[in-house]
């Protein structure tokens, strides 16, 4: 397994470019390097600090997991990094999710 393959997520994460303006589109994070770049941009970057100025736990956990996977590339660490990044993206509202819709009967 090559180093880039070890850094690739099992499934990509999809984030809104800006959650307040979903019409701007989404971005795909395919691996550890994409995750590290995402930490400093968009909703995730703005979510780093709480109103009092302290760094949020979810942001720090994602950074730790991503850097650990980057410098000790193993599939299990890469997936732990994906999980931490997904949790961070969900917490700040950037994660694109599929929502189930109630089925409707169509009258013939």
PDB file of N, CA and C in Angstrom:
ATOM      1  N   UNK A   1       0.850  -1.180   0.000  1.00  0.00           N
ATOM      2  CA  UNK A   1       0.000   0.000   0.000  1.00  0.00           C
ATOM      3  C   UNK A   1       0.891   1.237   0.000  1.00  0.00           C
ATOM      4  N   UNK A   2       0.686   2.111  -0.944  1.00  0.00           N
ATOM      5  CA  UNK A   2       1.490   3.331  -1.023  1.00  0.00           C
ATOM      6  C   UNK A   2       1.060   4.317   0.055  1.00  0.00           C
ATOM      7  N   UNK A   3       1.927   5.276   0.348  1.00  0.00           N
ATOM      8  CA  UNK A   3       1.613   6.269   1.384  1.00  0.00           C
ATOM      9  C   UNK A   3       0.326   7.027   1.088  1.00  0.00           C
ATOM     10  N   UNK A   4       0.098   7.505  -0.167  1.00  0.00           N
ATOM     11  CA  UNK A   4      -1.160   8.210  -0.424  1.00  0.00           C
ATOM     12  C   UNK A   4      -2.387   7.329  -0.149  1.00  0.00           C
ATOM     13  N   UNK A   5      -2.315   6.043  -0.470  1.00  0.00           N
ATOM     14  CA  UNK A   5      -3.447   5.154  -0.211  1.00  0.00           C
ATOM     15  C   UNK A   5      -3.691   5.011   1.286  1.00  0.00           C
ATOM     16  N   UNK A   6      -2.632   5.023   2.072  1.00  0.00           N
ATOM     17  CA  UNK A   6      -2.782   4.925   3.526  1.00  0.00           C
ATOM     18  C   UNK A   6      -3.418   6.182   4.104  1.00  0.00           C
ATOM     19  N   UNK A   7      -3.307   7.287   3.390  1.00  0.00           N
ATOM     20  CA  UNK A   7      -3.859   8.550   3.863  1.00  0.00           C
ATOM     21  C   UNK A   7      -5.261   8.821   3.324  1.00  0.00           C
ATOM     22  N   UNK A   8      -5.761   7.934   2.463  1.00  0.00           N
ATOM     23  CA  UNK A   8      -7.089   8.121   1.878  1.00  0.00           C
ATOM     24  C   UNK A   8      -8.161   7.584   2.825  1.00  0.00           C
ATOM     25  N   UNK A   9      -9.259   8.342   2.952  1.00  0.00           N
ATOM     26  CA  UNK A   9     -10.390   7.893   3.760  1.00  0.00           C
ATOM     27  C   UNK A   9     -11.087   6.728   3.055  1.00  0.00           C
ATOM     28  N   UNK A  10     -11.710   5.862   3.841  1.00  0.00           N
ATOM     29  CA  UNK A  10     -12.484   4.766   3.273  1.00  0.00           C
ATOM     30  C   UNK A  10     -13.652   5.283   2.453  1.00  0.00           C
ATOM     31  N   UNK A  11     -14.209   6.408   2.845  1.00  0.00           N
ATOM     32  CA  UNK A  11     -15.284   7.085   2.118  1.00  0.00           C
ATOM     33  C   UNK A  11     -15.059   8.579   2.305  1.00  0.00           C
ATOM     34  N   UNK A  12     -15.252   9.364   1.256  1.00  0.00           N
ATOM     35  CA  UNK A  12     -15.015  10.808   1.399  1.00  0.00           C
ATOM     36  C   UNK A  12     -16.040  11.473   2.313  1.00  0.00           C
ATOM     37  N   UNK A  13     -15.666  12.610   2.834  1.00  0.00           N
ATOM     38  CA  UNK A  13     -16.589  13.461   3.589  1.00  0.00           C
ATOM     39  C   UNK A  13     -16.969  14.627   2.684  1.00  0.00           C
ATOM     40  N   UNK A  14     -18.223  15.024   2.752  1.00  0.00           N
ATOM     41  CA  UNK A  14     -18.700  16.149   1.961  1.00  0.00           C
ATOM     42  C   UNK A  14     -19.081  17.278   2.907  1.00  0.00           C
ATOM     43  N   UNK A  15     -18.518  18.453   2.644  1.00  0.00           N
ATOM     44  CA  UNK A  15     -18.773  19.629   3.469  1.00  0.00           C
ATOM     45  C   UNK A  15     -19.303  20.756   2.602  1.00  0.00           C
ATOM     46  N   UNK A  16     -20.182  21.560   3.192  1.00  0.00           N
ATOM     47  CA  UNK A  16     -20.630  22.765   2.508  1.00  0.00           C
ATOM     48  C   UNK A  16     -19.458  23.740   2.436  1.00  0.00           C
ATOM     49  N   UNK A  17     -19.340  24.428   1.315  1.00  0.00           N
ATOM     50  CA  UNK A  17     -18.326  25.469   1.200  1.00  0.00           C
ATOM     51  C   UNK A  17     -18.594  26.508   2.280  1.00  0.00           C
ATOM     52  N   UNK A  18     -19.865  26.849   2.459  1.00  0.00           N
ATOM     53  CA  UNK A  18     -20.294  27.729   3.539  1.00  0.00           C
ATOM     54  C   UNK A  18     -21.700  27.285   3.929  1.00  0.00           C
ATOM     55  N   UNK A  19     -21.857  26.782   5.142  1.00  0.00           N
ATOM     56  CA  UNK A  19     -23.141  26.192   5.545  1.00  0.00           C
ATOM     57  C   UNK A  19     -24.294  27.190   5.507  1.00  0.00           C
ATOM     58  N   UNK A  20     -24.029  28.442   5.743  1.00  0.00           N
ATOM     59  CA  UNK A  20     -25.075  29.458   5.694  1.00  0.00           C
ATOM     60  C   UNK A  20     -25.528  29.772   4.276  1.00  0.00           C
ATOM     61  N   UNK A  21     -24.739  29.333   3.309  1.00  0.00           N
ATOM     62  CA  UNK A  21     -25.068  29.575   1.902  1.00  0.00           C
ATOM     63  C   UNK A  21     -24.849  28.294   1.101  1.00  0.00           C
ATOM     64  N   UNK A  22     -25.733  27.291   1.286  1.00  0.00           N
ATOM     65  CA  UNK A  22     -25.544  26.000   0.615  1.00  0.00           C
ATOM     66  C   UNK A  22     -25.522  26.095  -0.911  1.00  0.00           C
ATOM     67  N   UNK A  23     -26.039  27.173  -1.465  1.00  0.00           N
ATOM     68  CA  UNK A  23     -26.028  27.333  -2.917  1.00  0.00           C
ATOM     69  C   UNK A  23     -24.608  27.480  -3.476  1.00  0.00           C
ATOM     70  N   UNK A  24     -23.633  27.754  -2.603  1.00  0.00           N
ATOM     71  CA  UNK A  24     -22.238  27.856  -3.040  1.00  0.00           C
ATOM     72  C   UNK A  24     -21.644  26.487  -3.364  1.00  0.00           C
ATOM     73  N   UNK A  25     -22.310  25.438  -2.935  1.00  0.00           N
ATOM     74  CA  UNK A  25     -21.866  24.097  -3.270  1.00  0.00           C
ATOM     75  C   UNK A  25     -21.189  23.379  -2.117  1.00  0.00           C
ATOM     76  N   UNK A  26     -20.624  22.241  -2.460  1.00  0.00           N
ATOM     77  CA  UNK A  26     -19.960  21.401  -1.467  1.00  0.00           C
ATOM     78  C   UNK A  26     -18.540  21.089  -1.927  1.00  0.00           C
ATOM     79  N   UNK A  27     -17.746  20.660  -0.979  1.00  0.00           N
ATOM     80  CA  UNK A  27     -16.389  20.232  -1.268  1.00  0.00           C
ATOM     81  C   UNK A  27     -16.218  18.812  -0.742  1.00  0.00           C
ATOM     82  N   UNK A  28     -15.388  18.054  -1.396  1.00  0.00           N
ATOM     83  CA  UNK A  28     -15.153  16.659  -1.041  1.00  0.00           C
ATOM     84  C   UNK A  28     -13.785  16.528  -0.377  1.00  0.00           C
ATOM     85  N   UNK A  29     -13.760  15.916   0.790  1.00  0.00           N
ATOM     86  CA  UNK A  29     -12.500  15.640   1.485  1.00  0.00           C
ATOM     87  C   UNK A  29     -12.219  14.152   1.320  1.00  0.00           C
ATOM     88  N   UNK A  30     -11.157  13.827   0.591  1.00  0.00           N
ATOM     89  CA  UNK A  30     -10.856  12.428   0.266  1.00  0.00           C
ATOM     90  C   UNK A  30      -9.840  11.776   1.188  1.00  0.00           C
ATOM     91  N   UNK A  31      -9.124  12.594   1.961  1.00  0.00           N
ATOM     92  CA  UNK A  31      -8.095  11.996   2.798  1.00  0.00           C
ATOM     93  C   UNK A  31      -7.542  12.961   3.826  1.00  0.00           C
ATOM     94  N   UNK A  32      -6.495  12.518   4.478  1.00  0.00           N
ATOM     95  CA  UNK A  32      -5.877  13.256   5.570  1.00  0.00           C
ATOM     96  C   UNK A  32      -5.402  14.640   5.122  1.00  0.00           C
ATOM     97  N   UNK A  33      -4.762  14.722   3.959  1.00  0.00           N
ATOM     98  CA  UNK A  33      -4.262  16.022   3.500  1.00  0.00           C
ATOM     99  C   UNK A  33      -5.404  17.005   3.262  1.00  0.00           C
ATOM    100  N   UNK A  34      -6.501  16.527   2.673  1.00  0.00           N
ATOM    101  CA  UNK A  34      -7.672  17.393   2.488  1.00  0.00           C
ATOM    102  C   UNK A  34      -8.217  17.859   3.843  1.00  0.00           C
ATOM    103  N   UNK A  35      -8.239  16.957   4.813  1.00  0.00           N
ATOM    104  CA  UNK A  35      -8.731  17.295   6.145  1.00  0.00           C
ATOM    105  C   UNK A  35      -7.877  18.349   6.820  1.00  0.00           C
ATOM    106  N   UNK A  36      -6.568  18.222   6.693  1.00  0.00           N
ATOM    107  CA  UNK A  36      -5.673  19.208   7.288  1.00  0.00           C
ATOM    108  C   UNK A  36      -5.876  20.586   6.655  1.00  0.00           C
ATOM    109  N   UNK A  37      -6.070  20.625   5.351  1.00  0.00           N
ATOM    110  CA  UNK A  37      -6.339  21.902   4.683  1.00  0.00           C
ATOM    111  C   UNK A  37      -7.665  22.499   5.140  1.00  0.00           C
ATOM    112  N   UNK A  38      -8.660  21.654   5.336  1.00  0.00           N
ATOM    113  CA  UNK A  38      -9.994  22.128   5.726  1.00  0.00           C
ATOM    114  C   UNK A  38     -10.005  22.769   7.111  1.00  0.00           C
ATOM    115  N   UNK A  39      -9.064  22.393   7.971  1.00  0.00           N
ATOM    116  CA  UNK A  39      -9.049  22.939   9.328  1.00  0.00           C
ATOM    117  C   UNK A  39      -8.870  24.452   9.363  1.00  0.00           C
ATOM    118  N   UNK A  40      -8.300  25.010   8.335  1.00  0.00           N
ATOM    119  CA  UNK A  40      -8.023  26.448   8.333  1.00  0.00           C
ATOM    120  C   UNK A  40      -8.918  27.244   7.399  1.00  0.00           C
ATOM    121  N   UNK A  41      -9.968  26.616   6.895  1.00  0.00           N
ATOM    122  CA  UNK A  41     -10.837  27.297   5.943  1.00  0.00           C
ATOM    123  C   UNK A  41     -12.310  27.102   6.300  1.00  0.00           C
ATOM    124  N   UNK A  42     -13.128  27.972   5.778  1.00  0.00           N
ATOM    125  CA  UNK A  42     -14.578  27.827   5.872  1.00  0.00           C
ATOM    126  C   UNK A  42     -15.106  27.722   7.290  1.00  0.00           C
ATOM    127  N   UNK A  43     -16.220  27.019   7.404  1.00  0.00           N
ATOM    128  CA  UNK A  43     -16.892  26.881   8.695  1.00  0.00           C
ATOM    129  C   UNK A  43     -16.020  26.194   9.744  1.00  0.00           C
ATOM    130  N   UNK A  44     -15.234  25.214   9.326  1.00  0.00           N
ATOM    131  CA  UNK A  44     -14.376  24.501  10.286  1.00  0.00           C
ATOM    132  C   UNK A  44     -13.313  25.438  10.844  1.00  0.00           C
ATOM    133  N   UNK A  45     -12.694  26.221   9.992  1.00  0.00           N
ATOM    134  CA  UNK A  45     -11.685  27.173  10.453  1.00  0.00           C
ATOM    135  C   UNK A  45     -12.256  28.211  11.406  1.00  0.00           C
ATOM    136  N   UNK A  46     -13.467  28.699  11.094  1.00  0.00           N
ATOM    137  CA  UNK A  46     -14.109  29.697  11.960  1.00  0.00           C
ATOM    138  C   UNK A  46     -14.584  29.094  13.277  1.00  0.00           C
ATOM    139  N   UNK A  47     -14.784  27.793  13.308  1.00  0.00           N
ATOM    140  CA  UNK A  47     -15.292  27.111  14.503  1.00  0.00           C
ATOM    141  C   UNK A  47     -14.180  26.832  15.520  1.00  0.00           C
ATOM    142  N   UNK A  48     -12.946  27.043  15.170  1.00  0.00           N
ATOM    143  CA  UNK A  48     -11.819  26.680  16.028  1.00  0.00           C
ATOM    144  C   UNK A  48     -11.938  27.218  17.448  1.00  0.00           C
ATOM    145  N   UNK A  49     -12.286  28.492  17.577  1.00  0.00           N
ATOM    146  CA  UNK A  49     -12.322  29.107  18.898  1.00  0.00           C
ATOM    147  C   UNK A  49     -13.747  29.383  19.349  1.00  0.00           C
ATOM    148  N   UNK A  50     -14.004  29.116  20.628  1.00  0.00           N
ATOM    149  CA  UNK A  50     -15.299  29.406  21.245  1.00  0.00           C
ATOM    150  C   UNK A  50     -15.370  30.914  21.505  1.00  0.00           C
ATOM    151  N   UNK A  51     -16.567  31.436  21.784  1.00  0.00           N
ATOM    152  CA  UNK A  51     -16.699  32.882  22.035  1.00  0.00           C
ATOM    153  C   UNK A  51     -15.741  33.422  23.099  1.00  0.00           C
ATOM    154  N   UNK A  52     -15.387  32.646  24.105  1.00  0.00           N
ATOM    155  CA  UNK A  52     -14.470  33.105  25.134  1.00  0.00           C
ATOM    156  C   UNK A  52     -13.015  33.071  24.721  1.00  0.00           C
ATOM    157  N   UNK A  53     -12.722  32.537  23.535  1.00  0.00           N
ATOM    158  CA  UNK A  53     -11.354  32.495  23.042  1.00  0.00           C
ATOM    159  C   UNK A  53     -10.652  31.160  23.191  1.00  0.00           C
ATOM    160  N   UNK A  54     -11.246  30.212  23.899  1.00  0.00           N
ATOM    161  CA  UNK A  54     -10.626  28.903  24.072  1.00  0.00           C
ATOM    162  C   UNK A  54     -10.823  28.056  22.815  1.00  0.00           C
ATOM    163  N   UNK A  55      -9.830  27.242  22.524  1.00  0.00           N
ATOM    164  CA  UNK A  55      -9.957  26.341  21.379  1.00  0.00           C
ATOM    165  C   UNK A  55     -10.964  25.252  21.700  1.00  0.00           C
ATOM    166  N   UNK A  56     -11.833  24.959  20.754  1.00  0.00           N
ATOM    167  CA  UNK A  56     -12.861  23.934  20.956  1.00  0.00           C
ATOM    168  C   UNK A  56     -12.226  22.542  20.949  1.00  0.00           C
ATOM    169  N   UNK A  57     -12.731  21.677  21.820  1.00  0.00           N
ATOM    170  CA  UNK A  57     -12.206  20.315  21.936  1.00  0.00           C
ATOM    171  C   UNK A  57     -12.295  19.548  20.622  1.00  0.00           C
ATOM    172  N   UNK A  58     -13.414  19.679  19.913  1.00  0.00           N
ATOM    173  CA  UNK A  58     -13.601  18.939  18.660  1.00  0.00           C
ATOM    174  C   UNK A  58     -12.561  19.340  17.617  1.00  0.00           C
ATOM    175  N   UNK A  59     -12.210  20.618  17.581  1.00  0.00           N
ATOM    176  CA  UNK A  59     -11.216  21.095  16.618  1.00  0.00           C
ATOM    177  C   UNK A  59      -9.834  20.525  16.971  1.00  0.00           C
ATOM    178  N   UNK A  60      -9.482  20.601  18.241  1.00  0.00           N
ATOM    179  CA  UNK A  60      -8.191  20.060  18.673  1.00  0.00           C
ATOM    180  C   UNK A  60      -8.097  18.553  18.476  1.00  0.00           C
ATOM    181  N   UNK A  61      -9.188  17.838  18.726  1.00  0.00           N
ATOM    182  CA  UNK A  61      -9.202  16.386  18.536  1.00  0.00           C
ATOM    183  C   UNK A  61      -9.017  16.026  17.065  1.00  0.00           C
ATOM    184  N   UNK A  62      -9.645  16.789  16.181  1.00  0.00           N
ATOM    185  CA  UNK A  62      -9.495  16.536  14.748  1.00  0.00           C
ATOM    186  C   UNK A  62      -8.056  16.815  14.304  1.00  0.00           C
ATOM    187  N   UNK A  63      -7.493  17.912  14.774  1.00  0.00           N
ATOM    188  CA  UNK A  63      -6.106  18.232  14.426  1.00  0.00           C
ATOM    189  C   UNK A  63      -5.167  17.125  14.902  1.00  0.00           C
ATOM    190  N   UNK A  64      -5.330  16.685  16.135  1.00  0.00           N
ATOM    191  CA  UNK A  64      -4.479  15.631  16.676  1.00  0.00           C
ATOM    192  C   UNK A  64      -4.607  14.350  15.854  1.00  0.00           C
ATOM    193  N   UNK A  65      -5.838  13.942  15.565  1.00  0.00           N
ATOM    194  CA  UNK A  65      -6.058  12.696  14.827  1.00  0.00           C
ATOM    195  C   UNK A  65      -5.510  12.785  13.405  1.00  0.00           C
ATOM    196  N   UNK A  66      -5.696  13.927  12.745  1.00  0.00           N
ATOM    197  CA  UNK A  66      -5.198  14.094  11.380  1.00  0.00           C
ATOM    198  C   UNK A  66      -3.671  14.107  11.330  1.00  0.00           C
ATOM    199  N   UNK A  67      -3.033  14.808  12.256  1.00  0.00           N
ATOM    200  CA  UNK A  67      -1.563  14.839  12.239  1.00  0.00           C
ATOM    201  C   UNK A  67      -0.986  13.483  12.625  1.00  0.00           C
ATOM    202  N   UNK A  68      -1.642  12.789  13.510  1.00  0.00           N
ATOM    203  CA  UNK A  68      -1.186  11.449  13.879  1.00  0.00           C
ATOM    204  C   UNK A  68      -1.257  10.513  12.670  1.00  0.00           C
ATOM    205  N   UNK A  69      -2.347  10.590  11.928  1.00  0.00           N
ATOM    206  CA  UNK A  69      -2.488   9.760  10.732  1.00  0.00           C
ATOM    207  C   UNK A  69      -1.473  10.157   9.659  1.00  0.00           C
ATOM    208  N   UNK A  70      -1.201  11.450   9.550  1.00  0.00           N
ATOM    209  CA  UNK A  70      -0.253  11.942   8.543  1.00  0.00           C
ATOM    210  C   UNK A  70       1.162  11.427   8.811  1.00  0.00           C
ATOM    211  N   UNK A  71       1.587  11.469  10.053  1.00  0.00           N
ATOM    212  CA  UNK A  71       2.964  11.118  10.364  1.00  0.00           C
ATOM    213  C   UNK A  71       3.164   9.672  10.785  1.00  0.00           C
ATOM    214  N   UNK A  72       2.080   8.955  11.006  1.00  0.00           N
ATOM    215  CA  UNK A  72       2.127   7.515  11.297  1.00  0.00           C
ATOM    216  C   UNK A  72       1.050   6.844  10.452  1.00  0.00           C
ATOM    217  N   UNK A  73       1.227   6.840   9.117  1.00  0.00           N
ATOM    218  CA  UNK A  73       0.158   6.386   8.233  1.00  0.00           C
ATOM    219  C   UNK A  73      -0.171   4.897   8.383  1.00  0.00           C
ATOM    220  N   UNK A  74      -1.372   4.672   8.848  1.00  0.00           N
ATOM    221  CA  UNK A  74      -1.948   3.327   8.946  1.00  0.00           C
ATOM    222  C   UNK A  74      -3.437   3.480   8.710  1.00  0.00           C
ATOM    223  N   UNK A  75      -4.054   2.509   8.073  1.00  0.00           N
ATOM    224  CA  UNK A  75      -5.492   2.624   7.789  1.00  0.00           C
ATOM    225  C   UNK A  75      -6.357   2.894   9.021  1.00  0.00           C
ATOM    226  N   UNK A  76      -6.034   2.283  10.158  1.00  0.00           N
ATOM    227  CA  UNK A  76      -6.854   2.507  11.351  1.00  0.00           C
ATOM    228  C   UNK A  76      -6.738   3.949  11.849  1.00  0.00           C
ATOM    229  N   UNK A  77      -5.552   4.520  11.780  1.00  0.00           N
ATOM    230  CA  UNK A  77      -5.376   5.912  12.209  1.00  0.00           C
ATOM    231  C   UNK A  77      -6.037   6.877  11.230  1.00  0.00           C
ATOM    232  N   UNK A  78      -5.997   6.529   9.956  1.00  0.00           N
ATOM    233  CA  UNK A  78      -6.661   7.360   8.948  1.00  0.00           C
ATOM    234  C   UNK A  78      -8.165   7.377   9.191  1.00  0.00           C
ATOM    235  N   UNK A  79      -8.747   6.248   9.508  1.00  0.00           N
ATOM    236  CA  UNK A  79     -10.187   6.203   9.765  1.00  0.00           C
ATOM    237  C   UNK A  79     -10.555   6.888  11.087  1.00  0.00           C
ATOM    238  N   UNK A  80      -9.668   6.827  12.072  1.00  0.00           N
ATOM    239  CA  UNK A  80      -9.912   7.579  13.311  1.00  0.00           C
ATOM    240  C   UNK A  80      -9.877   9.079  13.020  1.00  0.00           C
ATOM    241  N   UNK A  81      -8.974   9.493  12.136  1.00  0.00           N
ATOM    242  CA  UNK A  81      -8.907  10.895  11.741  1.00  0.00           C
ATOM    243  C   UNK A  81     -10.180  11.301  11.006  1.00  0.00           C
ATOM    244  N   UNK A  82     -10.687  10.432  10.136  1.00  0.00           N
ATOM    245  CA  UNK A  82     -11.933  10.719   9.413  1.00  0.00           C
ATOM    246  C   UNK A  82     -13.087  10.886  10.398  1.00  0.00           C
ATOM    247  N   UNK A  83     -13.149  10.016  11.390  1.00  0.00           N
ATOM    248  CA  UNK A  83     -14.212  10.083  12.396  1.00  0.00           C
ATOM    249  C   UNK A  83     -14.150  11.397  13.173  1.00  0.00           C
ATOM    250  N   UNK A  84     -12.948  11.794  13.577  1.00  0.00           N
ATOM    251  CA  UNK A  84     -12.783  13.052  14.324  1.00  0.00           C
ATOM    252  C   UNK A  84     -13.147  14.250  13.449  1.00  0.00           C
ATOM    253  N   UNK A  85     -12.752  14.223  12.192  1.00  0.00           N
ATOM    254  CA  UNK A  85     -13.071  15.317  11.277  1.00  0.00           C
ATOM    255  C   UNK A  85     -14.570  15.365  11.006  1.00  0.00           C
ATOM    256  N   UNK A  86     -15.195  14.207  10.874  1.00  0.00           N
ATOM    257  CA  UNK A  86     -16.646  14.156  10.660  1.00  0.00           C
ATOM    258  C   UNK A  86     -17.384  14.749  11.862  1.00  0.00           C
ATOM    259  N   UNK A  87     -16.930  14.410  13.066  1.00  0.00           N
ATOM    260  CA  UNK A  87     -17.549  14.959  14.276  1.00  0.00           C
ATOM    261  C   UNK A  87     -17.412  16.473  14.324  1.00  0.00           C
ATOM    262  N   UNK A  88     -16.246  16.969  13.964  1.00  0.00           N
ATOM    263  CA  UNK A  88     -16.018  18.413  13.931  1.00  0.00           C
ATOM    264  C   UNK A  88     -16.922  19.076  12.895  1.00  0.00           C
ATOM    265  N   UNK A  89     -16.995  18.508  11.703  1.00  0.00           N
ATOM    266  CA  UNK A  89     -17.824  19.075  10.641  1.00  0.00           C
ATOM    267  C   UNK A  89     -19.298  19.083  11.038  1.00  0.00           C
ATOM    268  N   UNK A  90     -19.740  18.025  11.718  1.00  0.00           N
ATOM    269  CA  UNK A  90     -21.135  17.983  12.181  1.00  0.00           C
ATOM    270  C   UNK A  90     -21.378  19.041  13.248  1.00  0.00           C
ATOM    271  N   UNK A  91     -20.422  19.217  14.158  1.00  0.00           N
ATOM    272  CA  UNK A  91     -20.580  20.183  15.249  1.00  0.00           C
ATOM    273  C   UNK A  91     -20.689  21.619  14.730  1.00  0.00           C
ATOM    274  N   UNK A  92     -19.968  21.939  13.676  1.00  0.00           N
ATOM    275  CA  UNK A  92     -19.992  23.321  13.178  1.00  0.00           C
ATOM    276  C   UNK A  92     -21.011  23.524  12.060  1.00  0.00           C
ATOM    277  N   UNK A  93     -21.737  22.479  11.696  1.00  0.00           N
ATOM    278  CA  UNK A  93     -22.785  22.605  10.691  1.00  0.00           C
ATOM    279  C   UNK A  93     -22.313  22.514   9.261  1.00  0.00           C
ATOM    280  N   UNK A  94     -21.072  22.109   9.036  1.00  0.00           N
ATOM    281  CA  UNK A  94     -20.533  22.040   7.678  1.00  0.00           C
ATOM    282  C   UNK A  94     -20.773  20.702   6.992  1.00  0.00           C
ATOM    283  N   UNK A  95     -21.099  19.663   7.747  1.00  0.00           N
ATOM    284  CA  UNK A  95     -21.238  18.328   7.180  1.00  0.00           C
ATOM    285  C   UNK A  95     -22.497  18.211   6.327  1.00  0.00           C
ATOM    286  N   UNK A  96     -22.324  17.719   5.123  1.00  0.00           N
ATOM    287  CA  UNK A  96     -23.459  17.453   4.242  1.00  0.00           C
ATOM    288  C   UNK A  96     -24.000  16.074   4.607  1.00  0.00           C
ATOM    289  N   UNK A  97     -25.270  16.028   4.917  1.00  0.00           N
ATOM    290  CA  UNK A  97     -25.900  14.753   5.269  1.00  0.00           C
ATOM    291  C   UNK A  97     -27.124  14.538   4.396  1.00  0.00           C
ATOM    292  N   UNK A  98     -27.513  13.291   4.299  1.00  0.00           N
ATOM    293  CA  UNK A  98     -28.726  12.940   3.571  1.00  0.00           C
ATOM    294  C   UNK A  98     -29.820  12.766   4.601  1.00  0.00           C
ATOM    295  N   UNK A  99     -30.898  13.462   4.394  1.00  0.00           N
ATOM    296  CA  UNK A  99     -32.018  13.375   5.329  1.00  0.00           C
ATOM    297  C   UNK A  99     -33.134  12.587   4.686  1.00  0.00           C
ATOM    298  N   UNK A 100     -33.699  11.686   5.458  1.00  0.00           N
ATOM    299  CA  UNK A 100     -34.793  10.875   4.956  1.00  0.00           C
ATOM    300  C   UNK A 100     -36.054  11.729   4.831  1.00  0.00           C
ATOM    301  N   UNK A 101     -36.783  11.535   3.778  1.00  0.00           N
ATOM    302  CA  UNK A 101     -38.027  12.260   3.553  1.00  0.00           C
ATOM    303  C   UNK A 101     -39.191  11.285   3.724  1.00  0.00           C
ATOM    304  N   UNK A 102     -40.251  11.772   4.266  1.00  0.00           N
ATOM    305  CA  UNK A 102     -41.447  10.953   4.410  1.00  0.00           C
ATOM    306  C   UNK A 102     -42.016  10.700   3.037  1.00  0.00           C
ATOM    307  N   UNK A 103     -42.379   9.457   2.786  1.00  0.00           N
ATOM    308  CA  UNK A 103     -42.950   9.136   1.483  1.00  0.00           C
ATOM    309  C   UNK A 103     -44.378   9.649   1.396  1.00  0.00           C
ATOM    310  N   UNK A 104     -44.755  10.083   0.215  1.00  0.00           N
ATOM    311  CA  UNK A 104     -46.092  10.594   0.002  1.00  0.00           C
ATOM    312  C   UNK A 104     -46.785   9.734  -1.047  1.00  0.00           C
ATOM    313  N   UNK A 105     -48.053   9.517  -0.849  1.00  0.00           N
ATOM    314  CA  UNK A 105     -48.832   8.804  -1.845  1.00  0.00           C
ATOM    315  C   UNK A 105     -49.228   9.788  -2.919  1.00  0.00           C
ATOM    316  N   UNK A 106     -49.063   9.366  -4.140  1.00  0.00           N
ATOM    317  CA  UNK A 106     -49.431  10.215  -5.257  1.00  0.00           C
ATOM    318  C   UNK A 106     -50.784   9.708  -5.770  1.00  0.00           C
ATOM    319  N   UNK A 107     -51.740  10.618  -5.818  1.00  0.00           N
ATOM    320  CA  UNK A 107     -53.074  10.250  -6.308  1.00  0.00           C
ATOM    321  C   UNK A 107     -53.029  10.037  -7.814  1.00  0.00           C
ATOM    322  N   UNK A 108     -53.665   8.998  -8.252  1.00  0.00           N
ATOM    323  CA  UNK A 108     -53.662   8.685  -9.696  1.00  0.00           C
ATOM    324  C   UNK A 108     -54.735   9.469 -10.421  1.00  0.00           C
TER     325      UNK A 108
END
